[in-house]
Amino acid sequence: MRKYFISYDLRNAKNYQKLYDELEKFKAIQILESLYCIKYQDEKTEALRDHFKNFIDGDDGLIIIKSAYWAGVNLDNSPNDL
């Protein structure tokens, strides 16, 4: 399993509970305000992007990053906790 970072920019403040609920289903941990980390088996980053874009609006930003290494400071939670 690999770690994937999911970051989003929710524009025009709407109801995003469906995105948060989906992140919870993936057992995502919140790293920073709009950055989550998950462990995922599939190595197709595009598949995760296509999945999560169903939970945001068309004007919102979304990026999925497959990571082998990371470093951070003053994080809300550590990706090592996954």
C-alpha atoms as a PDB file:
ATOM      1  CA  MET A   1       0.000   0.000   0.000  1.00  0.00           C
ATOM      2  CA  ARG A   2       1.153   3.496  -0.772  1.00  0.00           C
ATOM      3  CA  LYS A   3       0.464   6.820   0.846  1.00  0.00           C
ATOM      4  CA  TYR A   4      -1.516   9.326  -1.159  1.00  0.00           C
ATOM      5  CA  PHE A   5      -1.959  12.960  -0.257  1.00  0.00           C
ATOM      6  CA  ILE A   6      -5.251  14.578  -1.189  1.00  0.00           C
ATOM      7  CA  SER A   7      -5.520  18.337  -1.213  1.00  0.00           C
ATOM      8  CA  TYR A   8      -8.463  20.455  -2.259  1.00  0.00           C
ATOM      9  CA  ASP A   9      -9.490  24.054  -2.661  1.00  0.00           C
ATOM     10  CA  LEU A  10     -13.216  24.386  -2.057  1.00  0.00           C
ATOM     11  CA  ARG A  11     -14.426  27.549  -3.730  1.00  0.00           C
ATOM     12  CA  ASN A  12     -17.697  29.434  -3.254  1.00  0.00           C
ATOM     13  CA  ALA A  13     -18.381  27.883   0.190  1.00  0.00           C
ATOM     14  CA  LYS A  14     -21.000  25.202  -0.249  1.00  0.00           C
ATOM     15  CA  ASN A  15     -21.874  22.048   1.663  1.00  0.00           C
ATOM     16  CA  TYR A  16     -18.865  19.736   1.518  1.00  0.00           C
ATOM     17  CA  GLN A  17     -19.949  17.181   4.067  1.00  0.00           C
ATOM     18  CA  LYS A  18     -20.118  14.548   1.300  1.00  0.00           C
ATOM     19  CA  LEU A  19     -16.365  15.033   0.631  1.00  0.00           C
ATOM     20  CA  TYR A  20     -15.532  14.783   4.322  1.00  0.00           C
ATOM     21  CA  ASP A  21     -17.680  11.665   4.652  1.00  0.00           C
ATOM     22  CA  GLU A  22     -15.888  10.034   1.710  1.00  0.00           C
ATOM     23  CA  LEU A  23     -12.478  10.870   3.163  1.00  0.00           C
ATOM     24  CA  GLU A  24     -13.615   9.226   6.381  1.00  0.00           C
ATOM     25  CA  LYS A  25     -14.585   6.061   4.462  1.00  0.00           C
ATOM     26  CA  PHE A  26     -10.979   5.899   3.227  1.00  0.00           C
ATOM     27  CA  LYS A  27      -9.778   6.322   6.845  1.00  0.00           C
ATOM     28  CA  ALA A  28      -7.995   9.492   5.786  1.00  0.00           C
ATOM     29  CA  ILE A  29      -6.142  11.489   8.377  1.00  0.00           C
ATOM     30  CA  GLN A  30      -6.093  15.257   8.246  1.00  0.00           C
ATOM     31  CA  ILE A  31      -2.537  16.550   7.925  1.00  0.00           C
ATOM     32  CA  LEU A  32      -3.270  20.258   7.412  1.00  0.00           C
ATOM     33  CA  GLU A  33      -6.489  22.222   6.957  1.00  0.00           C
ATOM     34  CA  SER A  34      -7.105  21.068   3.381  1.00  0.00           C
ATOM     35  CA  LEU A  35      -4.647  18.184   3.160  1.00  0.00           C
ATOM     36  CA  TYR A  36      -5.421  14.566   3.946  1.00  0.00           C
ATOM     37  CA  CYS A  37      -3.413  11.369   3.662  1.00  0.00           C
ATOM     38  CA  ILE A  38      -4.678   7.857   2.906  1.00  0.00           C
ATOM     39  CA  LYS A  39      -3.194   4.442   2.274  1.00  0.00           C
ATOM     40  CA  TYR A  40      -4.415   2.933  -0.964  1.00  0.00           C
ATOM     41  CA  GLN A  41      -3.570  -0.229  -2.900  1.00  0.00           C
ATOM     42  CA  ASP A  42      -4.268   0.904  -6.441  1.00  0.00           C
ATOM     43  CA  GLU A  43      -1.364   2.722  -8.008  1.00  0.00           C
ATOM     44  CA  LYS A  44      -3.481   4.704 -10.438  1.00  0.00           C
ATOM     45  CA  THR A  45      -3.483   8.269  -9.194  1.00  0.00           C
ATOM     46  CA  GLU A  46      -5.987   9.192 -11.892  1.00  0.00           C
ATOM     47  CA  ALA A  47      -8.481   6.670 -10.504  1.00  0.00           C
ATOM     48  CA  LEU A  48      -8.398   8.349  -7.104  1.00  0.00           C
ATOM     49  CA  ARG A  49      -8.765  11.771  -8.728  1.00  0.00           C
ATOM     50  CA  ASP A  50     -11.749  10.593 -10.728  1.00  0.00           C
ATOM     51  CA  HIS A  51     -13.305   9.086  -7.613  1.00  0.00           C
ATOM     52  CA  PHE A  52     -12.914  12.138  -5.373  1.00  0.00           C
ATOM     53  CA  LYS A  53     -13.963  14.666  -8.006  1.00  0.00           C
ATOM     54  CA  ASN A  54     -17.451  13.189  -7.620  1.00  0.00           C
ATOM     55  CA  PHE A  55     -17.570  14.736  -4.144  1.00  0.00           C
ATOM     56  CA  ILE A  56     -16.634  18.319  -5.019  1.00  0.00           C
ATOM     57  CA  ASP A  57     -18.144  20.976  -7.261  1.00  0.00           C
ATOM     58  CA  GLY A  58     -16.944  21.710 -10.791  1.00  0.00           C
ATOM     59  CA  ASP A  59     -15.193  24.935  -9.763  1.00  0.00           C
ATOM     60  CA  ASP A  60     -13.227  23.367  -6.887  1.00  0.00           C
ATOM     61  CA  GLY A  61      -9.559  22.388  -7.062  1.00  0.00           C
ATOM     62  CA  LEU A  62      -8.298  18.879  -6.297  1.00  0.00           C
ATOM     63  CA  ILE A  63      -4.876  17.243  -6.406  1.00  0.00           C
ATOM     64  CA  ILE A  64      -3.884  13.665  -5.609  1.00  0.00           C
ATOM     65  CA  ILE A  65      -0.199  12.949  -4.972  1.00  0.00           C
ATOM     66  CA  LYS A  66       1.326   9.474  -4.626  1.00  0.00           C
ATOM     67  CA  SER A  67       4.186   9.707  -2.177  1.00  0.00           C
ATOM     68  CA  ALA A  68       7.122   7.543  -1.271  1.00  0.00           C
ATOM     69  CA  TYR A  69       8.676  10.137   1.047  1.00  0.00           C
ATOM     70  CA  TRP A  70       7.440  13.152   2.921  1.00  0.00           C
ATOM     71  CA  ALA A  71       8.635  15.670   5.487  1.00  0.00           C
ATOM     72  CA  GLY A  72       6.644  18.176   7.497  1.00  0.00           C
ATOM     73  CA  VAL A  73       6.575  20.448  10.500  1.00  0.00           C
ATOM     74  CA  ASN A  74       3.751  21.538  12.816  1.00  0.00           C
ATOM     75  CA  LEU A  75       1.308  19.058  11.267  1.00  0.00           C
ATOM     76  CA  ASP A  76      -2.110  18.365  12.744  1.00  0.00           C
ATOM     77  CA  ASN A  77      -1.448  14.612  12.375  1.00  0.00           C
ATOM     78  CA  SER A  78       1.386  12.496  11.003  1.00  0.00           C
ATOM     79  CA  PRO A  79       1.031  10.313   7.885  1.00  0.00           C
ATOM     80  CA  ASN A  80       3.032   7.750   9.860  1.00  0.00           C
ATOM     81  CA  ASP A  81      -0.107   7.221  11.955  1.00  0.00           C
ATOM     82  CA  LEU A  82      -1.763   5.405   9.033  1.00  0.00           C
END
